[in-house]
N, C-alpha and C. Protein backbone atom coordinates (compact mmCIF):
# COMPACT_ATOMS: atom_id res chain seq x y z
N MET A 1 -37.60 -19.64 54.95
CA MET A 1 -38.73 -19.81 55.83
C MET A 1 -39.84 -18.88 55.34
N THR A 2 -41.04 -19.39 55.28
CA THR A 2 -42.20 -18.62 54.87
C THR A 2 -43.06 -18.34 56.09
N ARG A 3 -43.50 -17.11 56.19
CA ARG A 3 -44.36 -16.74 57.32
C ARG A 3 -45.78 -16.53 56.80
N GLN A 4 -46.73 -17.14 57.45
CA GLN A 4 -48.14 -17.00 57.10
C GLN A 4 -48.88 -16.45 58.33
N VAL A 5 -49.79 -15.54 58.09
CA VAL A 5 -50.61 -14.99 59.17
C VAL A 5 -52.04 -15.43 58.92
N ILE A 6 -52.63 -16.00 59.94
CA ILE A 6 -54.01 -16.45 59.85
C ILE A 6 -54.86 -15.51 60.70
N THR A 7 -55.89 -14.94 60.12
CA THR A 7 -56.79 -14.07 60.87
C THR A 7 -58.19 -14.65 60.83
N TRP A 8 -58.95 -14.35 61.86
CA TRP A 8 -60.32 -14.83 61.96
C TRP A 8 -61.12 -13.82 62.75
N THR A 9 -62.25 -13.44 62.24
CA THR A 9 -63.16 -12.55 62.95
C THR A 9 -64.43 -13.33 63.24
N PRO A 10 -64.70 -13.62 64.51
CA PRO A 10 -65.91 -14.39 64.83
C PRO A 10 -67.16 -13.58 64.51
N ALA A 11 -68.18 -14.26 64.07
CA ALA A 11 -69.45 -13.61 63.76
C ALA A 11 -70.17 -13.21 65.05
N ARG A 12 -70.88 -12.11 65.00
CA ARG A 12 -71.68 -11.70 66.14
C ARG A 12 -72.70 -12.80 66.44
N GLY A 13 -72.85 -13.12 67.70
CA GLY A 13 -73.73 -14.21 68.10
C GLY A 13 -72.97 -15.46 68.49
N THR A 14 -71.64 -15.43 68.34
CA THR A 14 -70.83 -16.59 68.72
C THR A 14 -70.13 -16.38 70.06
N GLU A 15 -70.55 -15.34 70.80
CA GLU A 15 -69.94 -15.05 72.09
C GLU A 15 -70.06 -16.28 73.01
N SER A 16 -69.02 -16.50 73.78
CA SER A 16 -68.91 -17.61 74.74
C SER A 16 -68.72 -18.97 74.08
N ARG A 17 -68.68 -19.04 72.77
CA ARG A 17 -68.43 -20.32 72.10
C ARG A 17 -66.93 -20.55 72.01
N THR A 18 -66.55 -21.82 72.09
CA THR A 18 -65.15 -22.21 71.97
C THR A 18 -64.97 -22.96 70.65
N TRP A 19 -63.93 -22.57 69.94
CA TRP A 19 -63.63 -23.16 68.64
C TRP A 19 -62.28 -23.87 68.72
N LYS A 20 -62.19 -25.04 68.11
CA LYS A 20 -60.92 -25.74 68.03
C LYS A 20 -60.32 -25.42 66.66
N VAL A 21 -59.10 -24.93 66.68
CA VAL A 21 -58.41 -24.54 65.46
C VAL A 21 -57.14 -25.38 65.34
N CYS A 22 -56.97 -26.00 64.20
CA CYS A 22 -55.77 -26.80 63.96
C CYS A 22 -55.07 -26.29 62.70
N VAL A 23 -53.75 -26.26 62.77
CA VAL A 23 -52.92 -25.84 61.65
C VAL A 23 -51.95 -26.97 61.35
N LYS A 24 -51.91 -27.33 60.08
CA LYS A 24 -50.99 -28.37 59.64
C LYS A 24 -49.90 -27.71 58.81
N VAL A 25 -48.66 -27.84 59.25
CA VAL A 25 -47.51 -27.25 58.57
C VAL A 25 -46.76 -28.38 57.87
N HIS A 26 -46.50 -28.14 56.59
CA HIS A 26 -45.84 -29.17 55.78
C HIS A 26 -44.67 -28.54 55.03
N ASP A 27 -43.54 -29.23 55.04
CA ASP A 27 -42.37 -28.79 54.28
C ASP A 27 -42.33 -29.62 53.00
N PRO A 28 -42.45 -28.99 51.82
CA PRO A 28 -42.49 -29.76 50.57
C PRO A 28 -41.21 -30.54 50.28
N THR A 29 -40.12 -30.16 50.93
CA THR A 29 -38.86 -30.88 50.73
C THR A 29 -38.95 -32.29 51.29
N PHE A 30 -39.65 -32.42 52.40
CA PHE A 30 -39.81 -33.73 53.06
C PHE A 30 -41.28 -34.11 52.95
N THR A 31 -41.66 -34.87 51.96
CA THR A 31 -43.06 -35.16 51.66
C THR A 31 -43.80 -35.87 52.79
N ALA A 32 -43.10 -36.63 53.60
CA ALA A 32 -43.79 -37.36 54.67
C ALA A 32 -43.77 -36.58 55.99
N TRP A 33 -43.23 -35.37 56.00
CA TRP A 33 -43.05 -34.62 57.25
C TRP A 33 -44.09 -33.50 57.37
N PHE A 34 -44.73 -33.42 58.52
CA PHE A 34 -45.63 -32.31 58.82
C PHE A 34 -45.78 -32.17 60.33
N ILE A 35 -46.20 -30.99 60.73
CA ILE A 35 -46.48 -30.72 62.14
C ILE A 35 -47.94 -30.29 62.24
N LEU A 36 -48.66 -30.83 63.19
CA LEU A 36 -50.05 -30.46 63.43
C LEU A 36 -50.13 -29.82 64.80
N ARG A 37 -50.62 -28.61 64.85
CA ARG A 37 -50.79 -27.88 66.11
C ARG A 37 -52.24 -27.47 66.23
N CYS A 38 -52.84 -27.75 67.38
CA CYS A 38 -54.23 -27.39 67.63
C CYS A 38 -54.32 -26.51 68.88
N SER A 39 -55.28 -25.65 68.86
CA SER A 39 -55.52 -24.75 69.99
C SER A 39 -57.01 -24.46 70.07
N SER A 40 -57.46 -24.04 71.24
CA SER A 40 -58.85 -23.66 71.42
C SER A 40 -58.94 -22.15 71.55
N LEU A 41 -59.92 -21.56 70.89
CA LEU A 41 -60.18 -20.13 70.96
C LEU A 41 -61.59 -19.92 71.49
N THR A 42 -61.72 -19.13 72.54
CA THR A 42 -63.03 -18.81 73.09
C THR A 42 -63.35 -17.36 72.76
N VAL A 43 -64.52 -17.15 72.17
CA VAL A 43 -64.96 -15.80 71.82
C VAL A 43 -65.40 -15.11 73.10
N ALA A 44 -64.79 -13.96 73.38
CA ALA A 44 -65.09 -13.22 74.61
C ALA A 44 -66.55 -12.78 74.64
N LYS A 45 -67.12 -12.82 75.82
CA LYS A 45 -68.49 -12.37 76.01
C LYS A 45 -68.47 -10.93 76.48
N CYS A 46 -69.43 -10.15 76.02
CA CYS A 46 -69.61 -8.76 76.45
C CYS A 46 -68.44 -7.87 75.99
N ALA A 47 -67.84 -8.22 74.86
CA ALA A 47 -66.73 -7.45 74.30
C ALA A 47 -66.76 -7.61 72.79
N MET A 48 -66.16 -6.65 72.11
CA MET A 48 -66.02 -6.74 70.66
C MET A 48 -64.80 -5.95 70.25
N CYS A 49 -64.28 -6.25 69.08
CA CYS A 49 -63.12 -5.52 68.55
C CYS A 49 -63.59 -4.59 67.44
N GLY A 50 -63.03 -3.39 67.44
CA GLY A 50 -63.41 -2.42 66.42
C GLY A 50 -62.74 -2.70 65.09
N ASN A 51 -63.41 -2.31 64.04
CA ASN A 51 -62.86 -2.39 62.69
C ASN A 51 -62.54 -0.99 62.21
N ALA A 52 -61.78 -0.91 61.14
CA ALA A 52 -61.43 0.38 60.56
C ALA A 52 -62.71 1.18 60.30
N GLY A 53 -62.74 2.42 60.79
CA GLY A 53 -63.88 3.31 60.57
C GLY A 53 -64.99 3.20 61.59
N ASP A 54 -64.96 2.20 62.47
CA ASP A 54 -66.00 2.08 63.50
C ASP A 54 -65.94 3.25 64.46
N THR A 55 -67.09 3.65 64.95
CA THR A 55 -67.17 4.66 66.00
C THR A 55 -68.07 4.11 67.10
N LEU A 56 -68.07 4.78 68.24
CA LEU A 56 -69.01 4.37 69.28
C LEU A 56 -70.43 4.48 68.77
N GLY A 57 -70.69 5.49 67.98
CA GLY A 57 -72.04 5.67 67.43
C GLY A 57 -72.45 4.52 66.53
N SER A 58 -71.57 4.10 65.63
CA SER A 58 -71.92 3.01 64.72
C SER A 58 -72.05 1.67 65.46
N ILE A 59 -71.19 1.46 66.44
CA ILE A 59 -71.26 0.22 67.22
C ILE A 59 -72.52 0.21 68.08
N ALA A 60 -72.81 1.35 68.73
CA ALA A 60 -74.01 1.45 69.57
C ALA A 60 -75.26 1.20 68.73
N GLN A 61 -75.31 1.75 67.53
CA GLN A 61 -76.46 1.55 66.66
C GLN A 61 -76.60 0.08 66.30
N ALA A 62 -75.49 -0.58 65.98
CA ALA A 62 -75.52 -2.00 65.63
C ALA A 62 -76.00 -2.87 66.79
N TYR A 63 -75.68 -2.47 68.02
CA TYR A 63 -76.07 -3.25 69.19
C TYR A 63 -77.35 -2.74 69.85
N GLY A 64 -77.94 -1.68 69.31
CA GLY A 64 -79.20 -1.16 69.86
C GLY A 64 -79.04 -0.51 71.21
N THR A 65 -77.95 0.25 71.39
CA THR A 65 -77.73 0.94 72.65
C THR A 65 -77.26 2.36 72.33
N ASN A 66 -76.79 3.07 73.35
CA ASN A 66 -76.37 4.45 73.23
C ASN A 66 -74.84 4.52 73.27
N TRP A 67 -74.22 5.40 72.49
CA TRP A 67 -72.76 5.48 72.47
C TRP A 67 -72.20 5.85 73.84
N MET A 68 -72.95 6.65 74.63
CA MET A 68 -72.46 7.03 75.96
C MET A 68 -72.42 5.83 76.89
N GLN A 69 -73.34 4.87 76.68
CA GLN A 69 -73.34 3.64 77.46
C GLN A 69 -72.04 2.88 77.23
N LEU A 70 -71.64 2.78 75.97
CA LEU A 70 -70.40 2.06 75.64
C LEU A 70 -69.18 2.82 76.16
N TRP A 71 -69.19 4.12 75.99
CA TRP A 71 -68.09 4.95 76.48
C TRP A 71 -67.95 4.78 78.00
N GLY A 72 -69.08 4.84 78.70
CA GLY A 72 -69.07 4.69 80.16
C GLY A 72 -68.61 3.31 80.62
N ALA A 73 -68.88 2.28 79.83
CA ALA A 73 -68.46 0.92 80.19
C ALA A 73 -66.97 0.73 80.07
N ASN A 74 -66.28 1.70 79.44
CA ASN A 74 -64.85 1.55 79.18
C ASN A 74 -63.99 2.61 79.84
N ILE A 75 -64.58 3.51 80.61
CA ILE A 75 -63.83 4.55 81.30
C ILE A 75 -62.86 3.90 82.30
N GLY A 76 -61.65 4.42 82.35
CA GLY A 76 -60.68 3.93 83.32
C GLY A 76 -59.92 2.70 82.88
N SER A 77 -60.26 2.16 81.73
CA SER A 77 -59.55 0.97 81.27
C SER A 77 -58.09 1.28 80.97
N VAL A 78 -57.85 2.38 80.29
CA VAL A 78 -56.49 2.79 79.98
C VAL A 78 -56.33 4.28 80.24
N GLY A 79 -57.41 5.04 80.18
CA GLY A 79 -57.35 6.48 80.41
C GLY A 79 -57.34 7.29 79.13
N THR A 80 -57.43 6.60 78.00
CA THR A 80 -57.54 7.31 76.73
C THR A 80 -58.70 6.74 75.94
N VAL A 81 -59.24 7.54 75.08
CA VAL A 81 -60.35 7.09 74.24
C VAL A 81 -60.00 7.42 72.79
N PRO A 82 -59.73 6.42 71.94
CA PRO A 82 -59.48 6.74 70.55
C PRO A 82 -60.71 7.37 69.91
N ALA A 83 -60.49 8.32 69.04
CA ALA A 83 -61.60 8.98 68.37
C ALA A 83 -62.28 8.05 67.38
N TYR A 84 -61.51 7.23 66.70
CA TYR A 84 -62.05 6.29 65.74
C TYR A 84 -60.93 5.34 65.34
N PHE A 85 -61.24 4.35 64.55
CA PHE A 85 -60.25 3.41 64.05
C PHE A 85 -60.10 3.63 62.55
N PRO A 86 -59.17 4.50 62.14
CA PRO A 86 -58.98 4.73 60.70
C PRO A 86 -58.20 3.57 60.08
N ALA A 87 -58.35 3.40 58.80
CA ALA A 87 -57.58 2.36 58.11
C ALA A 87 -56.14 2.85 57.96
N SER A 88 -55.21 1.99 58.26
CA SER A 88 -53.79 2.32 58.07
C SER A 88 -53.40 1.93 56.65
N PRO A 89 -52.21 2.32 56.19
CA PRO A 89 -51.79 1.94 54.84
C PRO A 89 -51.76 0.43 54.62
N THR A 90 -51.60 -0.34 55.70
CA THR A 90 -51.56 -1.79 55.56
C THR A 90 -52.95 -2.41 55.63
N GLY A 91 -53.98 -1.56 55.86
CA GLY A 91 -55.34 -2.07 55.92
C GLY A 91 -55.77 -2.48 57.32
N THR A 92 -54.90 -2.35 58.30
CA THR A 92 -55.27 -2.70 59.65
C THR A 92 -55.74 -1.46 60.39
N ALA A 93 -56.44 -1.65 61.50
CA ALA A 93 -56.96 -0.52 62.26
C ALA A 93 -55.87 0.04 63.16
N ALA A 94 -55.83 1.35 63.26
CA ALA A 94 -54.89 2.01 64.15
C ALA A 94 -55.66 3.06 64.94
N ALA A 95 -55.48 3.09 66.24
CA ALA A 95 -56.25 4.00 67.08
C ALA A 95 -55.70 5.42 67.03
N VAL A 96 -56.59 6.38 66.92
CA VAL A 96 -56.26 7.79 67.04
C VAL A 96 -56.74 8.20 68.42
N VAL A 97 -55.83 8.67 69.27
CA VAL A 97 -56.15 8.83 70.68
C VAL A 97 -56.45 10.27 71.06
N ALA A 98 -57.50 10.42 71.87
CA ALA A 98 -57.86 11.71 72.46
C ALA A 98 -57.99 11.49 73.96
N SER A 99 -57.82 12.51 74.75
CA SER A 99 -57.93 12.38 76.20
C SER A 99 -59.36 12.05 76.59
N SER A 100 -59.54 11.09 77.51
CA SER A 100 -60.88 10.72 77.94
C SER A 100 -61.51 11.83 78.78
N THR A 101 -60.71 12.80 79.24
CA THR A 101 -61.28 13.91 80.00
C THR A 101 -61.82 14.98 79.07
N ASP A 102 -61.54 14.91 77.79
CA ASP A 102 -62.04 15.86 76.81
C ASP A 102 -63.38 15.34 76.29
N ALA A 103 -64.45 15.58 77.03
CA ALA A 103 -65.77 15.03 76.70
C ALA A 103 -66.27 15.54 75.36
N ASP A 104 -65.99 16.82 75.01
CA ASP A 104 -66.45 17.35 73.73
C ASP A 104 -65.81 16.59 72.57
N ALA A 105 -64.49 16.39 72.66
CA ALA A 105 -63.80 15.68 71.58
C ALA A 105 -64.28 14.23 71.51
N ALA A 106 -64.42 13.60 72.66
CA ALA A 106 -64.84 12.19 72.68
C ALA A 106 -66.26 12.03 72.16
N SER A 107 -67.17 12.92 72.58
CA SER A 107 -68.54 12.78 72.12
C SER A 107 -68.69 13.18 70.66
N ALA A 108 -67.95 14.21 70.23
CA ALA A 108 -68.03 14.63 68.83
C ALA A 108 -67.51 13.54 67.91
N ALA A 109 -66.41 12.93 68.31
CA ALA A 109 -65.81 11.89 67.48
C ALA A 109 -66.48 10.54 67.70
N MET A 110 -67.22 10.42 68.82
CA MET A 110 -67.84 9.15 69.19
C MET A 110 -66.83 8.02 69.14
N GLY A 111 -65.69 8.23 69.79
CA GLY A 111 -64.63 7.24 69.78
C GLY A 111 -64.86 6.13 70.78
N PHE A 112 -64.04 5.12 70.74
CA PHE A 112 -64.15 4.08 71.74
C PHE A 112 -62.81 3.66 72.28
N GLY A 113 -62.84 2.94 73.42
CA GLY A 113 -61.66 2.67 74.22
C GLY A 113 -60.61 1.80 73.55
N SER A 114 -59.38 2.07 73.91
CA SER A 114 -58.26 1.26 73.44
C SER A 114 -57.74 0.50 74.66
N PHE A 115 -57.73 -0.80 74.59
CA PHE A 115 -57.41 -1.62 75.74
C PHE A 115 -56.29 -2.58 75.40
N PRO A 116 -55.64 -3.12 76.41
CA PRO A 116 -54.51 -4.01 76.14
C PRO A 116 -54.85 -5.14 75.17
N ASP A 117 -56.08 -5.68 75.24
CA ASP A 117 -56.44 -6.76 74.33
C ASP A 117 -57.15 -6.26 73.07
N GLY A 118 -57.28 -4.93 72.91
CA GLY A 118 -57.90 -4.37 71.72
C GLY A 118 -59.41 -4.44 71.72
N ALA A 119 -60.02 -4.86 72.81
CA ALA A 119 -61.46 -5.06 72.84
C ALA A 119 -62.20 -3.88 73.45
N LEU A 120 -63.40 -3.67 72.97
CA LEU A 120 -64.32 -2.70 73.55
C LEU A 120 -65.30 -3.48 74.41
N ARG A 121 -65.40 -3.12 75.66
CA ARG A 121 -66.38 -3.77 76.54
C ARG A 121 -67.76 -3.21 76.25
N LEU A 122 -68.73 -4.10 76.14
CA LEU A 122 -70.11 -3.66 75.94
C LEU A 122 -70.76 -3.36 77.28
N GLY A 123 -70.28 -3.97 78.34
CA GLY A 123 -70.81 -3.79 79.69
C GLY A 123 -70.15 -4.81 80.60
N PRO A 124 -70.51 -4.80 81.88
CA PRO A 124 -69.95 -5.79 82.80
C PRO A 124 -70.59 -7.16 82.61
N THR A 125 -69.93 -8.18 83.13
CA THR A 125 -70.48 -9.53 83.10
C THR A 125 -70.88 -9.90 84.53
N TYR A 126 -72.10 -10.38 84.68
CA TYR A 126 -72.64 -10.79 85.97
C TYR A 126 -72.79 -12.31 85.96
N ILE A 127 -72.32 -12.97 87.03
CA ILE A 127 -72.48 -14.42 87.18
C ILE A 127 -73.68 -14.65 88.10
N THR A 128 -74.68 -15.35 87.61
CA THR A 128 -75.89 -15.57 88.40
C THR A 128 -75.56 -16.42 89.63
N SER A 129 -76.07 -15.99 90.79
CA SER A 129 -75.81 -16.71 92.04
C SER A 129 -76.83 -17.82 92.27
N SER A 130 -77.95 -17.75 91.57
CA SER A 130 -78.97 -18.80 91.61
C SER A 130 -79.78 -18.71 90.33
N ALA A 131 -80.58 -19.71 90.05
CA ALA A 131 -81.42 -19.68 88.86
C ALA A 131 -82.40 -18.52 88.99
N ILE A 132 -82.64 -17.82 87.90
CA ILE A 132 -83.49 -16.63 87.93
C ILE A 132 -84.23 -16.50 86.59
N PRO A 133 -85.52 -16.17 86.63
CA PRO A 133 -86.24 -15.97 85.37
C PRO A 133 -85.63 -14.83 84.56
N PRO A 134 -85.52 -14.97 83.24
CA PRO A 134 -84.91 -13.92 82.42
C PRO A 134 -85.57 -12.54 82.60
N ALA A 135 -86.88 -12.50 82.71
CA ALA A 135 -87.57 -11.21 82.86
C ALA A 135 -87.17 -10.51 84.16
N LEU A 136 -87.01 -11.27 85.23
CA LEU A 136 -86.60 -10.69 86.52
C LEU A 136 -85.14 -10.21 86.44
N LEU A 137 -84.30 -11.00 85.80
CA LEU A 137 -82.90 -10.62 85.65
C LEU A 137 -82.79 -9.32 84.83
N ALA A 138 -83.52 -9.24 83.74
CA ALA A 138 -83.50 -8.03 82.90
C ALA A 138 -83.98 -6.83 83.69
N ARG A 139 -85.07 -6.97 84.41
CA ARG A 139 -85.62 -5.86 85.22
C ARG A 139 -84.63 -5.44 86.30
N ARG A 140 -83.97 -6.40 86.94
CA ARG A 140 -83.02 -6.10 88.01
C ARG A 140 -81.90 -5.18 87.53
N PHE A 141 -81.49 -5.35 86.26
CA PHE A 141 -80.37 -4.57 85.74
C PHE A 141 -80.79 -3.48 84.76
N GLY A 142 -82.07 -3.16 84.72
CA GLY A 142 -82.54 -2.06 83.87
C GLY A 142 -82.42 -2.34 82.38
N MET A 143 -82.64 -3.59 82.01
CA MET A 143 -82.58 -3.99 80.60
C MET A 143 -83.95 -4.45 80.15
N SER A 144 -84.23 -4.32 78.87
CA SER A 144 -85.43 -4.94 78.33
C SER A 144 -85.12 -6.43 78.14
N LEU A 145 -86.16 -7.23 78.05
CA LEU A 145 -85.96 -8.66 77.84
C LEU A 145 -85.30 -8.90 76.47
N SER A 146 -85.69 -8.11 75.47
CA SER A 146 -85.08 -8.28 74.14
C SER A 146 -83.59 -7.92 74.16
N SER A 147 -83.21 -6.87 74.91
CA SER A 147 -81.78 -6.53 74.96
C SER A 147 -81.00 -7.58 75.77
N LEU A 148 -81.61 -8.18 76.77
CA LEU A 148 -80.94 -9.26 77.51
C LEU A 148 -80.56 -10.38 76.55
N PHE A 149 -81.47 -10.77 75.68
CA PHE A 149 -81.18 -11.84 74.72
C PHE A 149 -80.26 -11.36 73.60
N ARG A 150 -80.36 -10.10 73.21
CA ARG A 150 -79.49 -9.56 72.15
C ARG A 150 -78.03 -9.56 72.58
N PHE A 151 -77.77 -9.19 73.85
CA PHE A 151 -76.39 -9.12 74.35
C PHE A 151 -75.91 -10.47 74.88
N ASN A 152 -76.79 -11.45 74.94
CA ASN A 152 -76.44 -12.78 75.43
C ASN A 152 -76.97 -13.84 74.47
N PRO A 153 -76.40 -13.93 73.26
CA PRO A 153 -76.92 -14.86 72.26
C PRO A 153 -76.80 -16.33 72.67
N ASP A 154 -75.99 -16.60 73.68
CA ASP A 154 -75.86 -17.97 74.17
C ASP A 154 -76.94 -18.32 75.20
N LEU A 155 -77.79 -17.36 75.52
CA LEU A 155 -78.88 -17.57 76.47
C LEU A 155 -80.11 -18.04 75.70
N ASP A 156 -80.61 -19.21 76.02
CA ASP A 156 -81.74 -19.81 75.32
C ASP A 156 -83.05 -19.14 75.76
N PRO A 157 -83.74 -18.43 74.86
CA PRO A 157 -84.98 -17.74 75.22
C PRO A 157 -86.11 -18.68 75.64
N SER A 158 -86.00 -19.98 75.32
CA SER A 158 -87.07 -20.91 75.68
C SER A 158 -86.96 -21.40 77.13
N LEU A 159 -85.83 -21.09 77.79
CA LEU A 159 -85.66 -21.52 79.18
C LEU A 159 -86.51 -20.66 80.12
N ASP A 160 -87.06 -21.31 81.16
CA ASP A 160 -87.84 -20.59 82.16
C ASP A 160 -86.96 -19.78 83.10
N SER A 161 -85.71 -20.21 83.26
CA SER A 161 -84.80 -19.47 84.13
C SER A 161 -83.37 -19.57 83.61
N VAL A 162 -82.61 -18.51 83.95
CA VAL A 162 -81.19 -18.49 83.63
C VAL A 162 -80.51 -19.33 84.71
N PRO A 163 -79.72 -20.33 84.34
CA PRO A 163 -79.15 -21.21 85.36
C PRO A 163 -78.12 -20.54 86.26
N GLN A 164 -77.96 -21.09 87.45
CA GLN A 164 -76.94 -20.61 88.38
C GLN A 164 -75.57 -20.75 87.73
N GLY A 165 -74.73 -19.73 87.94
CA GLY A 165 -73.37 -19.75 87.42
C GLY A 165 -73.25 -19.29 85.98
N PHE A 166 -74.33 -18.83 85.38
CA PHE A 166 -74.32 -18.38 83.99
C PHE A 166 -73.76 -16.96 83.92
N ALA A 167 -72.82 -16.71 82.99
CA ALA A 167 -72.25 -15.37 82.80
C ALA A 167 -73.19 -14.57 81.90
N VAL A 168 -73.69 -13.45 82.43
CA VAL A 168 -74.64 -12.61 81.71
C VAL A 168 -74.01 -11.27 81.39
N CYS A 169 -74.08 -10.87 80.13
CA CYS A 169 -73.60 -9.55 79.71
C CYS A 169 -74.68 -8.54 80.07
N ILE A 170 -74.31 -7.55 80.90
CA ILE A 170 -75.26 -6.54 81.37
C ILE A 170 -75.00 -5.23 80.65
N VAL A 171 -75.99 -4.76 79.90
CA VAL A 171 -75.91 -3.46 79.22
C VAL A 171 -77.18 -2.71 79.60
N SER A 172 -77.14 -2.10 80.78
CA SER A 172 -78.28 -1.34 81.28
C SER A 172 -78.48 -0.10 80.44
N GLN A 173 -79.70 0.29 80.24
CA GLN A 173 -80.00 1.49 79.46
C GLN A 173 -80.04 2.71 80.38
N ILE A 174 -78.87 3.09 80.89
CA ILE A 174 -78.79 4.19 81.83
C ILE A 174 -78.54 5.53 81.17
N CYS A 175 -78.19 5.53 79.91
CA CYS A 175 -77.82 6.77 79.22
C CYS A 175 -78.88 7.24 78.23
N GLU A 176 -80.10 6.80 78.38
CA GLU A 176 -81.13 7.19 77.42
C GLU A 176 -81.98 8.30 77.95
């Protein structure tokens, strides 16, 4: 039996998109025999997975926010904050853990949260209760209009209002 591992890292900007993935398994002994399995994968909104060497500082810079904002969005998730994601001998990321109550260690290392699903939350998700203009929504949550669209790439900037029931990633600039 041969084991194959398939990995995929979605590109930034594909949040909330659903992808259909199909795998065809074929046994060369039986030329007419194969199994086709399909599944749907939805890219989580308002979350990202760290790569080897990422820090809160590097992620915050990439997303145009503050590392303390990201740290604060993840407090209480597990109670620990990895200092960084170093590369392991196998090339995969492994968390180095520091106590989340040790603010000096956490801020010096600019680490980020370790969660059951391995994701770092960028902020909470708000579901709109009614249609609302993007500028009003951004102002309500202390965001710039550009950051509203940056954290919500599935939100069409040409729309006059965000539709009711739309999931919005909120990353307020409270730590600046």
